[in-house]
Amino acid sequence: MLIANFFLNLKSSKMTVFFVILLAFIIIGAGYFLYNKVIVGQENNQAVEEVDLTFDPEGPYALLYPRRDGNALVLNIKRTASYDEIRYELAYNAEGVDRGAQGTINTKEKKGEYEQEILFGSCSTGGKCVFDKDVKNGTLTLHIRKGKQAYRMITQWNMQKPDIELGLLVSGDNHFSFKAKASAEDLALIKFTIINELTGAPKLPNDRIVLGKVYALNAPIAKTLPAGQVSIELVEDPAADSQIARFDEALGKWVEYETKIDGSKLSASPDQGGVFTVLTSKKD
């Protein structure tokens, strides 16, 4: 009898140890689950809280190019190597109806720039496309993330037919204009242009800073706008040494033009379109 009780107590002790160990695993598992759900979840929620990036001369920026037929635009985002995620939202109006498109750019390759074509319309799996008509202007919103830092970049854009506008191309905020010096026949060959505001800028000269906004005036890829007159209106009168400048992609540097200053309005005569701004000397 004593021997039987001994084995029963031993078995009971083993069962108790087993249940204690099982309970410990359950508690640890529950703690791990709660940590990931609550603590890590809160950190992730904080990570997606976006900060508006209005302008950073050394930050990322987007150039927009119209497709030759006007049924799409090409989005070219620069200075992106350090970003983990890029999403875009395009909003525009077509024949009085609000339209839009959105998507994600694959950033796995960590490239310094990305290019994406965005349609003004939609295409079926069979390749049949329906395009929106009379698209003229809108906004592009970029959502970019770098680790736990998230930013939102919003840019206005204005698409125009240079021959219909008689060569006078104007930005969405009406503070930038370009009057092309070409015939309507020559302008008709360009088909479309887009002006958009930039949230960053190509590398600036060491002794110069941006005054006001940076604008990009682009024709379809492989097309070049003719020479013309650029006018930029600022919020306040600029310093006497301020000049309108265009970034020359081929040379990789800013080219400054002889500039006429009339109050807060500046004008110059560049030889083509591109990225424009007003540059002025750094203050000591």
C-alpha atoms as a PDB file:
ATOM      1  CA  MET A   1       0.000   0.000   0.000  1.00  0.00           C
ATOM      2  CA  LEU A   2       2.787   2.413   0.868  1.00  0.00           C
ATOM      3  CA  ILE A   3       4.543   1.617  -2.398  1.00  0.00           C
ATOM      4  CA  ALA A   4       1.332   2.308  -4.394  1.00  0.00           C
ATOM      5  CA  ASN A   5       0.846   5.685  -2.671  1.00  0.00           C
ATOM      6  CA  PHE A   6       4.471   6.572  -3.392  1.00  0.00           C
ATOM      7  CA  PHE A   7       4.015   6.010  -7.127  1.00  0.00           C
ATOM      8  CA  LEU A   8       0.702   7.910  -7.152  1.00  0.00           C
ATOM      9  CA  ASN A   9       2.355  10.915  -5.470  1.00  0.00           C
ATOM     10  CA  LEU A  10       5.276  10.721  -7.898  1.00  0.00           C
ATOM     11  CA  LYS A  11       2.889  10.668 -10.864  1.00  0.00           C
ATOM     12  CA  SER A  12       0.971  13.576  -9.395  1.00  0.00           C
ATOM     13  CA  SER A  13       4.191  15.565  -8.969  1.00  0.00           C
ATOM     14  CA  LYS A  14       5.125  14.969 -12.595  1.00  0.00           C
ATOM     15  CA  MET A  15       1.693  16.114 -13.738  1.00  0.00           C
ATOM     16  CA  THR A  16       2.006  19.236 -11.598  1.00  0.00           C
ATOM     17  CA  VAL A  17       5.396  20.058 -13.101  1.00  0.00           C
ATOM     18  CA  PHE A  18       3.992  19.475 -16.600  1.00  0.00           C
ATOM     19  CA  PHE A  19       1.067  21.827 -16.019  1.00  0.00           C
ATOM     20  CA  VAL A  20       3.342  24.462 -14.480  1.00  0.00           C
ATOM     21  CA  ILE A  21       5.615  24.335 -17.534  1.00  0.00           C
ATOM     22  CA  LEU A  22       2.607  24.446 -19.878  1.00  0.00           C
ATOM     23  CA  LEU A  23       1.181  27.419 -18.002  1.00  0.00           C
ATOM     24  CA  ALA A  24       4.523  29.207 -18.232  1.00  0.00           C
ATOM     25  CA  PHE A  25       4.614  28.712 -22.009  1.00  0.00           C
ATOM     26  CA  ILE A  26       1.056  30.062 -22.300  1.00  0.00           C
ATOM     27  CA  ILE A  27       1.941  33.167 -20.252  1.00  0.00           C
ATOM     28  CA  ILE A  28       5.110  33.799 -22.285  1.00  0.00           C
ATOM     29  CA  GLY A  29       3.218  33.335 -25.560  1.00  0.00           C
ATOM     30  CA  ALA A  30       0.444  35.677 -24.457  1.00  0.00           C
ATOM     31  CA  GLY A  31       2.998  38.278 -23.389  1.00  0.00           C
ATOM     32  CA  TYR A  32       4.782  38.065 -26.731  1.00  0.00           C
ATOM     33  CA  PHE A  33       1.465  38.390 -28.584  1.00  0.00           C
ATOM     34  CA  LEU A  34       0.429  41.433 -26.546  1.00  0.00           C
ATOM     35  CA  TYR A  35       3.845  43.053 -26.996  1.00  0.00           C
ATOM     36  CA  ASN A  36       3.628  42.763 -30.763  1.00  0.00           C
ATOM     37  CA  LYS A  37       0.017  43.855 -30.909  1.00  0.00           C
ATOM     38  CA  VAL A  38       0.153  46.745 -28.471  1.00  0.00           C
ATOM     39  CA  ILE A  39       3.729  48.012 -28.141  1.00  0.00           C
ATOM     40  CA  VAL A  40       5.016  47.301 -31.638  1.00  0.00           C
ATOM     41  CA  GLY A  41       1.625  48.181 -33.105  1.00  0.00           C
ATOM     42  CA  GLN A  42       1.740  51.574 -31.443  1.00  0.00           C
ATOM     43  CA  GLU A  43       5.250  52.175 -32.780  1.00  0.00           C
ATOM     44  CA  ASN A  44       4.121  51.245 -36.296  1.00  0.00           C
ATOM     45  CA  ASN A  45       1.150  53.584 -36.035  1.00  0.00           C
ATOM     46  CA  GLN A  46       3.483  56.381 -35.021  1.00  0.00           C
ATOM     47  CA  ALA A  47       5.731  55.556 -37.983  1.00  0.00           C
ATOM     48  CA  VAL A  48       2.994  56.197 -40.572  1.00  0.00           C
ATOM     49  CA  GLU A  49       2.142  59.642 -39.210  1.00  0.00           C
ATOM     50  CA  GLU A  50       3.154  61.851 -42.127  1.00  0.00           C
ATOM     51  CA  VAL A  51       4.924  65.193 -42.109  1.00  0.00           C
ATOM     52  CA  ASP A  52       4.302  67.602 -44.996  1.00  0.00           C
ATOM     53  CA  LEU A  53       7.492  68.238 -46.947  1.00  0.00           C
ATOM     54  CA  THR A  54       6.933  71.605 -48.627  1.00  0.00           C
ATOM     55  CA  PHE A  55      10.473  72.333 -49.805  1.00  0.00           C
ATOM     56  CA  ASP A  56      13.914  70.974 -48.997  1.00  0.00           C
ATOM     57  CA  PRO A  57      16.637  71.935 -51.503  1.00  0.00           C
ATOM     58  CA  GLU A  58      18.449  68.667 -50.795  1.00  0.00           C
ATOM     59  CA  GLY A  59      15.304  66.534 -50.570  1.00  0.00           C
ATOM     60  CA  PRO A  60      13.474  64.332 -53.097  1.00  0.00           C
ATOM     61  CA  TYR A  61      11.484  65.894 -55.916  1.00  0.00           C
ATOM     62  CA  ALA A  62       9.332  64.846 -58.866  1.00  0.00           C
ATOM     63  CA  LEU A  63       9.505  65.891 -62.508  1.00  0.00           C
ATOM     64  CA  LEU A  64       6.426  65.404 -64.684  1.00  0.00           C
ATOM     65  CA  TYR A  65       6.484  64.865 -68.452  1.00  0.00           C
ATOM     66  CA  PRO A  66       3.385  64.673 -70.673  1.00  0.00           C
ATOM     67  CA  ARG A  67       3.045  61.689 -72.946  1.00  0.00           C
ATOM     68  CA  ARG A  68       3.012  62.772 -76.572  1.00  0.00           C
ATOM     69  CA  ASP A  69      -0.683  61.883 -77.025  1.00  0.00           C
ATOM     70  CA  GLY A  70      -1.714  63.639 -73.792  1.00  0.00           C
ATOM     71  CA  ASN A  71      -3.319  60.473 -72.379  1.00  0.00           C
ATOM     72  CA  ALA A  72      -0.730  59.956 -69.632  1.00  0.00           C
ATOM     73  CA  LEU A  73       2.093  61.593 -67.791  1.00  0.00           C
ATOM     74  CA  VAL A  74       5.485  60.228 -66.859  1.00  0.00           C
ATOM     75  CA  LEU A  75       6.472  60.586 -63.208  1.00  0.00           C
ATOM     76  CA  ASN A  76      10.222  60.829 -62.614  1.00  0.00           C
ATOM     77  CA  ILE A  77      11.152  60.913 -58.892  1.00  0.00           C
ATOM     78  CA  LYS A  78      14.718  61.859 -58.055  1.00  0.00           C
ATOM     79  CA  ARG A  79      16.963  61.565 -54.979  1.00  0.00           C
ATOM     80  CA  THR A  80      15.193  58.460 -53.638  1.00  0.00           C
ATOM     81  CA  ALA A  81      17.980  55.976 -52.773  1.00  0.00           C
ATOM     82  CA  SER A  82      17.436  56.197 -49.006  1.00  0.00           C
ATOM     83  CA  TYR A  83      13.647  55.696 -49.066  1.00  0.00           C
ATOM     84  CA  ASP A  84      11.896  52.417 -48.253  1.00  0.00           C
ATOM     85  CA  GLU A  85       8.445  53.081 -49.701  1.00  0.00           C
ATOM     86  CA  ILE A  86       6.932  55.440 -52.291  1.00  0.00           C
ATOM     87  CA  ARG A  87       3.226  55.730 -53.074  1.00  0.00           C
ATOM     88  CA  TYR A  88       1.546  58.247 -55.358  1.00  0.00           C
ATOM     89  CA  GLU A  89      -1.919  59.758 -55.773  1.00  0.00           C
ATOM     90  CA  LEU A  90      -2.788  61.726 -58.902  1.00  0.00           C
ATOM     91  CA  ALA A  91      -5.907  63.918 -58.824  1.00  0.00           C
ATOM     92  CA  TYR A  92      -7.314  65.816 -61.805  1.00  0.00           C
ATOM     93  CA  ASN A  93     -10.526  67.016 -63.417  1.00  0.00           C
ATOM     94  CA  ALA A  94     -11.752  65.733 -66.780  1.00  0.00           C
ATOM     95  CA  GLU A  95     -14.796  67.304 -68.421  1.00  0.00           C
ATOM     96  CA  GLY A  96     -16.006  68.629 -65.078  1.00  0.00           C
ATOM     97  CA  VAL A  97     -15.634  65.288 -63.248  1.00  0.00           C
ATOM     98  CA  ASP A  98     -13.026  64.607 -60.545  1.00  0.00           C
ATOM     99  CA  ARG A  99     -10.766  61.719 -61.509  1.00  0.00           C
ATOM    100  CA  GLY A 100      -7.613  60.158 -60.128  1.00  0.00           C
ATOM    101  CA  ALA A 101      -5.092  57.358 -60.069  1.00  0.00           C
ATOM    102  CA  GLN A 102      -2.934  55.822 -57.372  1.00  0.00           C
ATOM    103  CA  GLY A 103      -0.200  53.252 -57.112  1.00  0.00           C
ATOM    104  CA  THR A 104       3.017  52.069 -55.460  1.00  0.00           C
ATOM    105  CA  ILE A 105       6.543  52.247 -56.850  1.00  0.00           C
ATOM    106  CA  ASN A 106       8.794  49.242 -56.255  1.00  0.00           C
ATOM    107  CA  THR A 107      11.747  50.521 -54.222  1.00  0.00           C
ATOM    108  CA  LYS A 108      13.505  47.185 -53.582  1.00  0.00           C
ATOM    109  CA  GLU A 109      16.439  48.129 -55.800  1.00  0.00           C
ATOM    110  CA  LYS A 110      17.110  51.323 -53.774  1.00  0.00           C
ATOM    111  CA  LYS A 111      17.731  53.363 -56.917  1.00  0.00           C
ATOM    112  CA  GLY A 112      18.499  57.073 -56.934  1.00  0.00           C
ATOM    113  CA  GLU A 113      15.485  57.756 -59.157  1.00  0.00           C
ATOM    114  CA  TYR A 114      12.368  55.980 -60.369  1.00  0.00           C
ATOM    115  CA  GLU A 115      10.119  56.453 -63.388  1.00  0.00           C
ATOM    116  CA  GLN A 116       6.450  55.536 -63.667  1.00  0.00           C
ATOM    117  CA  GLU A 117       3.853  56.208 -66.373  1.00  0.00           C
ATOM    118  CA  ILE A 118       0.425  57.171 -65.033  1.00  0.00           C
ATOM    119  CA  LEU A 119      -2.599  56.973 -67.339  1.00  0.00           C
ATOM    120  CA  PHE A 120      -5.431  59.486 -67.505  1.00  0.00           C
ATOM    121  CA  GLY A 121      -7.930  56.629 -67.652  1.00  0.00           C
ATOM    122  CA  SER A 122      -7.854  52.845 -67.411  1.00  0.00           C
ATOM    123  CA  CYS A 123      -7.008  49.764 -69.482  1.00  0.00           C
ATOM    124  CA  SER A 124      -8.602  46.309 -69.401  1.00  0.00           C
ATOM    125  CA  THR A 125      -6.626  43.079 -69.146  1.00  0.00           C
ATOM    126  CA  GLY A 126      -7.165  42.685 -72.869  1.00  0.00           C
ATOM    127  CA  GLY A 127      -5.284  45.919 -73.524  1.00  0.00           C
ATOM    128  CA  LYS A 128      -8.280  48.082 -74.438  1.00  0.00           C
ATOM    129  CA  CYS A 129      -7.938  51.557 -72.897  1.00  0.00           C
ATOM    130  CA  VAL A 130     -10.468  54.282 -72.157  1.00  0.00           C
ATOM    131  CA  PHE A 131      -8.909  57.708 -71.604  1.00  0.00           C
ATOM    132  CA  ASP A 132     -10.291  60.772 -69.868  1.00  0.00           C
ATOM    133  CA  LYS A 133     -10.662  63.817 -72.070  1.00  0.00           C
ATOM    134  CA  ASP A 134      -9.809  67.463 -71.597  1.00  0.00           C
ATOM    135  CA  VAL A 135      -7.334  66.902 -68.738  1.00  0.00           C
ATOM    136  CA  LYS A 136      -5.649  70.209 -67.926  1.00  0.00           C
ATOM    137  CA  ASN A 137      -4.439  70.400 -64.330  1.00  0.00           C
ATOM    138  CA  GLY A 138      -4.373  68.659 -60.989  1.00  0.00           C
ATOM    139  CA  THR A 139      -2.216  67.656 -58.039  1.00  0.00           C
ATOM    140  CA  LEU A 140       0.314  64.921 -57.411  1.00  0.00           C
ATOM    141  CA  THR A 141       0.693  63.649 -53.838  1.00  0.00           C
ATOM    142  CA  LEU A 142       3.701  61.489 -52.982  1.00  0.00           C
ATOM    143  CA  HIS A 143       3.830  59.452 -49.767  1.00  0.00           C
ATOM    144  CA  ILE A 144       7.422  58.482 -48.995  1.00  0.00           C
ATOM    145  CA  ARG A 145       8.801  56.565 -46.019  1.00  0.00           C
ATOM    146  CA  LYS A 146      12.336  56.293 -44.657  1.00  0.00           C
ATOM    147  CA  GLY A 147      12.438  53.905 -41.681  1.00  0.00           C
ATOM    148  CA  LYS A 148       9.926  55.287 -39.187  1.00  0.00           C
ATOM    149  CA  GLN A 149       9.872  58.719 -40.846  1.00  0.00           C
ATOM    150  CA  ALA A 150       7.039  59.347 -43.294  1.00  0.00           C
ATOM    151  CA  TYR A 151       6.568  62.397 -45.499  1.00  0.00           C
ATOM    152  CA  ARG A 152       3.902  63.764 -47.807  1.00  0.00           C
ATOM    153  CA  MET A 153       4.814  65.857 -50.854  1.00  0.00           C
ATOM    154  CA  ILE A 154       2.105  67.721 -52.765  1.00  0.00           C
ATOM    155  CA  THR A 155       2.758  69.440 -56.086  1.00  0.00           C
ATOM    156  CA  GLN A 156       0.465  71.335 -58.442  1.00  0.00           C
ATOM    157  CA  TRP A 157       0.707  70.658 -62.170  1.00  0.00           C
ATOM    158  CA  ASN A 158      -0.732  72.327 -65.248  1.00  0.00           C
ATOM    159  CA  MET A 159      -0.841  70.652 -68.672  1.00  0.00           C
ATOM    160  CA  GLN A 160      -1.239  72.796 -71.809  1.00  0.00           C
ATOM    161  CA  LYS A 161      -1.037  72.596 -75.588  1.00  0.00           C
ATOM    162  CA  PRO A 162       1.531  75.255 -76.505  1.00  0.00           C
ATOM    163  CA  ASP A 163       0.042  75.964 -79.951  1.00  0.00           C
ATOM    164  CA  ILE A 164      -3.468  76.462 -78.538  1.00  0.00           C
ATOM    165  CA  GLU A 165      -2.079  78.767 -75.820  1.00  0.00           C
ATOM    166  CA  LEU A 166      -0.089  80.674 -78.477  1.00  0.00           C
ATOM    167  CA  GLY A 167       3.099  79.753 -76.642  1.00  0.00           C
ATOM    168  CA  LEU A 168       2.114  81.304 -73.299  1.00  0.00           C
ATOM    169  CA  LEU A 169       2.479  78.571 -70.664  1.00  0.00           C
ATOM    170  CA  VAL A 170       1.517  79.281 -67.053  1.00  0.00           C
ATOM    171  CA  SER A 171       1.978  77.431 -63.752  1.00  0.00           C
ATOM    172  CA  GLY A 172      -0.913  76.402 -61.519  1.00  0.00           C
ATOM    173  CA  ASP A 173      -0.196  79.236 -59.068  1.00  0.00           C
ATOM    174  CA  ASN A 174       0.138  81.794 -61.921  1.00  0.00           C
ATOM    175  CA  HIS A 175       3.547  82.959 -60.591  1.00  0.00           C
ATOM    176  CA  PHE A 176       5.580  81.331 -63.356  1.00  0.00           C
ATOM    177  CA  SER A 177       5.116  81.802 -67.096  1.00  0.00           C
ATOM    178  CA  PHE A 178       6.989  80.939 -70.271  1.00  0.00           C
ATOM    179  CA  LYS A 179       6.327  82.696 -73.588  1.00  0.00           C
ATOM    180  CA  ALA A 180       7.810  80.581 -76.389  1.00  0.00           C
ATOM    181  CA  LYS A 181       9.393  82.350 -79.364  1.00  0.00           C
ATOM    182  CA  ALA A 182       8.136  80.019 -82.079  1.00  0.00           C
ATOM    183  CA  SER A 183       5.385  79.744 -84.663  1.00  0.00           C
ATOM    184  CA  ALA A 184       2.120  77.938 -83.956  1.00  0.00           C
ATOM    185  CA  GLU A 185       3.192  75.270 -86.487  1.00  0.00           C
ATOM    186  CA  ASP A 186       6.430  74.576 -84.590  1.00  0.00           C
ATOM    187  CA  LEU A 187       4.623  74.554 -81.254  1.00  0.00           C
ATOM    188  CA  ALA A 188       2.063  72.083 -82.616  1.00  0.00           C
ATOM    189  CA  LEU A 189       4.865  69.542 -83.060  1.00  0.00           C
ATOM    190  CA  ILE A 190       5.476  69.558 -79.288  1.00  0.00           C
ATOM    191  CA  LYS A 191       1.813  68.654 -78.616  1.00  0.00           C
ATOM    192  CA  PHE A 192       1.758  69.061 -74.809  1.00  0.00           C
ATOM    193  CA  THR A 193       3.683  70.645 -71.940  1.00  0.00           C
ATOM    194  CA  ILE A 194       3.468  70.273 -68.144  1.00  0.00           C
ATOM    195  CA  ILE A 195       4.541  72.764 -65.486  1.00  0.00           C
ATOM    196  CA  ASN A 196       4.842  71.458 -61.932  1.00  0.00           C
ATOM    197  CA  GLU A 197       6.241  72.808 -58.671  1.00  0.00           C
ATOM    198  CA  LEU A 198       9.159  70.956 -57.065  1.00  0.00           C
ATOM    199  CA  THR A 199       9.666  70.014 -53.412  1.00  0.00           C
ATOM    200  CA  GLY A 200      13.442  69.836 -53.903  1.00  0.00           C
ATOM    201  CA  ALA A 201      16.037  71.078 -56.356  1.00  0.00           C
ATOM    202  CA  PRO A 202      19.015  69.790 -58.340  1.00  0.00           C
ATOM    203  CA  LYS A 203      22.308  70.441 -56.550  1.00  0.00           C
ATOM    204  CA  LEU A 204      22.755  74.177 -55.995  1.00  0.00           C
ATOM    205  CA  PRO A 205      25.991  76.184 -56.286  1.00  0.00           C
ATOM    206  CA  ASN A 206      27.724  76.507 -52.909  1.00  0.00           C
ATOM    207  CA  ASP A 207      27.265  80.275 -52.751  1.00  0.00           C
ATOM    208  CA  ARG A 208      23.642  80.449 -53.959  1.00  0.00           C
ATOM    209  CA  ILE A 209      20.221  79.673 -52.473  1.00  0.00           C
ATOM    210  CA  VAL A 210      16.698  79.383 -53.887  1.00  0.00           C
ATOM    211  CA  LEU A 211      14.423  82.405 -53.658  1.00  0.00           C
ATOM    212  CA  GLY A 212      10.757  81.458 -53.958  1.00  0.00           C
ATOM    213  CA  LYS A 213       9.662  78.248 -55.687  1.00  0.00           C
ATOM    214  CA  VAL A 214      11.276  75.848 -58.135  1.00  0.00           C
ATOM    215  CA  TYR A 215       9.299  75.060 -61.302  1.00  0.00           C
ATOM    216  CA  ALA A 216       9.744  72.387 -63.965  1.00  0.00           C
ATOM    217  CA  LEU A 217       8.498  73.064 -67.493  1.00  0.00           C
ATOM    218  CA  ASN A 218       8.704  69.906 -69.592  1.00  0.00           C
ATOM    219  CA  ALA A 219       7.624  68.744 -73.032  1.00  0.00           C
ATOM    220  CA  PRO A 220       7.241  65.048 -73.966  1.00  0.00           C
ATOM    221  CA  ILE A 221      10.463  63.078 -73.560  1.00  0.00           C
ATOM    222  CA  ALA A 222      12.766  63.560 -76.578  1.00  0.00           C
ATOM    223  CA  LYS A 223      11.074  66.878 -77.409  1.00  0.00           C
ATOM    224  CA  THR A 224      12.621  70.283 -76.620  1.00  0.00           C
ATOM    225  CA  LEU A 225      10.811  73.555 -76.096  1.00  0.00           C
ATOM    226  CA  PRO A 226      12.172  76.461 -78.164  1.00  0.00           C
ATOM    227  CA  ALA A 227      13.686  79.589 -76.682  1.00  0.00           C
ATOM    228  CA  GLY A 228      11.349  81.979 -74.912  1.00  0.00           C
ATOM    229  CA  GLN A 229      10.883  84.450 -72.092  1.00  0.00           C
ATOM    230  CA  VAL A 230      10.457  83.285 -68.504  1.00  0.00           C
ATOM    231  CA  SER A 231       8.749  85.403 -65.851  1.00  0.00           C
ATOM    232  CA  ILE A 232       8.731  84.554 -62.137  1.00  0.00           C
ATOM    233  CA  GLU A 233       6.832  86.567 -59.558  1.00  0.00           C
ATOM    234  CA  LEU A 234       8.016  86.447 -55.930  1.00  0.00           C
ATOM    235  CA  VAL A 235       6.266  87.322 -52.674  1.00  0.00           C
ATOM    236  CA  GLU A 236       8.684  90.204 -52.013  1.00  0.00           C
ATOM    237  CA  ASP A 237      11.270  92.234 -53.911  1.00  0.00           C
ATOM    238  CA  PRO A 238      14.503  90.262 -54.418  1.00  0.00           C
ATOM    239  CA  ALA A 239      18.102  91.387 -53.867  1.00  0.00           C
ATOM    240  CA  ALA A 240      19.810  93.101 -56.790  1.00  0.00           C
ATOM    241  CA  ASP A 241      22.055  90.100 -57.537  1.00  0.00           C
ATOM    242  CA  SER A 242      19.117  87.673 -57.899  1.00  0.00           C
ATOM    243  CA  GLN A 243      18.895  85.916 -61.252  1.00  0.00           C
ATOM    244  CA  ILE A 244      16.603  83.470 -63.009  1.00  0.00           C
ATOM    245  CA  ALA A 245      18.428  80.159 -63.503  1.00  0.00           C
ATOM    246  CA  ARG A 246      17.770  76.924 -65.389  1.00  0.00           C
ATOM    247  CA  PHE A 247      19.311  73.583 -64.492  1.00  0.00           C
ATOM    248  CA  ASP A 248      21.185  72.198 -67.491  1.00  0.00           C
ATOM    249  CA  GLU A 249      20.917  68.389 -67.349  1.00  0.00           C
ATOM    250  CA  ALA A 250      23.653  67.905 -69.947  1.00  0.00           C
ATOM    251  CA  LEU A 251      26.141  70.053 -68.042  1.00  0.00           C
ATOM    252  CA  GLY A 252      24.905  69.003 -64.598  1.00  0.00           C
ATOM    253  CA  LYS A 253      24.817  72.569 -63.319  1.00  0.00           C
ATOM    254  CA  TRP A 254      22.660  75.696 -63.042  1.00  0.00           C
ATOM    255  CA  VAL A 255      22.891  78.290 -65.796  1.00  0.00           C
ATOM    256  CA  GLU A 256      22.039  81.842 -64.701  1.00  0.00           C
ATOM    257  CA  TYR A 257      20.594  84.313 -67.211  1.00  0.00           C
ATOM    258  CA  GLU A 258      20.728  88.065 -67.479  1.00  0.00           C
ATOM    259  CA  THR A 259      17.654  89.036 -65.499  1.00  0.00           C
ATOM    260  CA  LYS A 260      15.425  92.080 -65.480  1.00  0.00           C
ATOM    261  CA  ILE A 261      13.949  92.893 -62.053  1.00  0.00           C
ATOM    262  CA  ASP A 262      10.767  94.947 -61.804  1.00  0.00           C
ATOM    263  CA  GLY A 263       9.642  95.013 -58.175  1.00  0.00           C
ATOM    264  CA  SER A 264       8.849  91.402 -57.228  1.00  0.00           C
ATOM    265  CA  LYS A 265       8.749  90.226 -60.853  1.00  0.00           C
ATOM    266  CA  LEU A 266      11.809  88.877 -62.665  1.00  0.00           C
ATOM    267  CA  SER A 267      12.193  88.010 -66.352  1.00  0.00           C
ATOM    268  CA  ALA A 268      14.873  86.418 -68.513  1.00  0.00           C
ATOM    269  CA  SER A 269      15.273  84.750 -71.916  1.00  0.00           C
ATOM    270  CA  PRO A 270      16.444  81.114 -71.650  1.00  0.00           C
ATOM    271  CA  ASP A 271      17.135  79.034 -74.742  1.00  0.00           C
ATOM    272  CA  GLN A 272      14.755  76.188 -73.783  1.00  0.00           C
ATOM    273  CA  GLY A 273      12.472  74.762 -71.097  1.00  0.00           C
ATOM    274  CA  GLY A 274      13.511  72.780 -68.016  1.00  0.00           C
ATOM    275  CA  VAL A 275      13.798  73.363 -64.263  1.00  0.00           C
ATOM    276  CA  PHE A 276      13.717  77.062 -63.312  1.00  0.00           C
ATOM    277  CA  THR A 277      14.045  79.122 -60.142  1.00  0.00           C
ATOM    278  CA  VAL A 278      15.478  82.381 -58.831  1.00  0.00           C
ATOM    279  CA  LEU A 279      18.933  82.098 -57.282  1.00  0.00           C
ATOM    280  CA  THR A 280      20.399  84.677 -54.903  1.00  0.00           C
ATOM    281  CA  SER A 281      23.544  84.958 -52.766  1.00  0.00           C
ATOM    282  CA  LYS A 282      23.731  83.323 -49.365  1.00  0.00           C
ATOM    283  CA  LYS A 283      23.618  85.757 -46.486  1.00  0.00           C
ATOM    284  CA  ASP A 284      26.578  85.702 -44.083  1.00  0.00           C
END
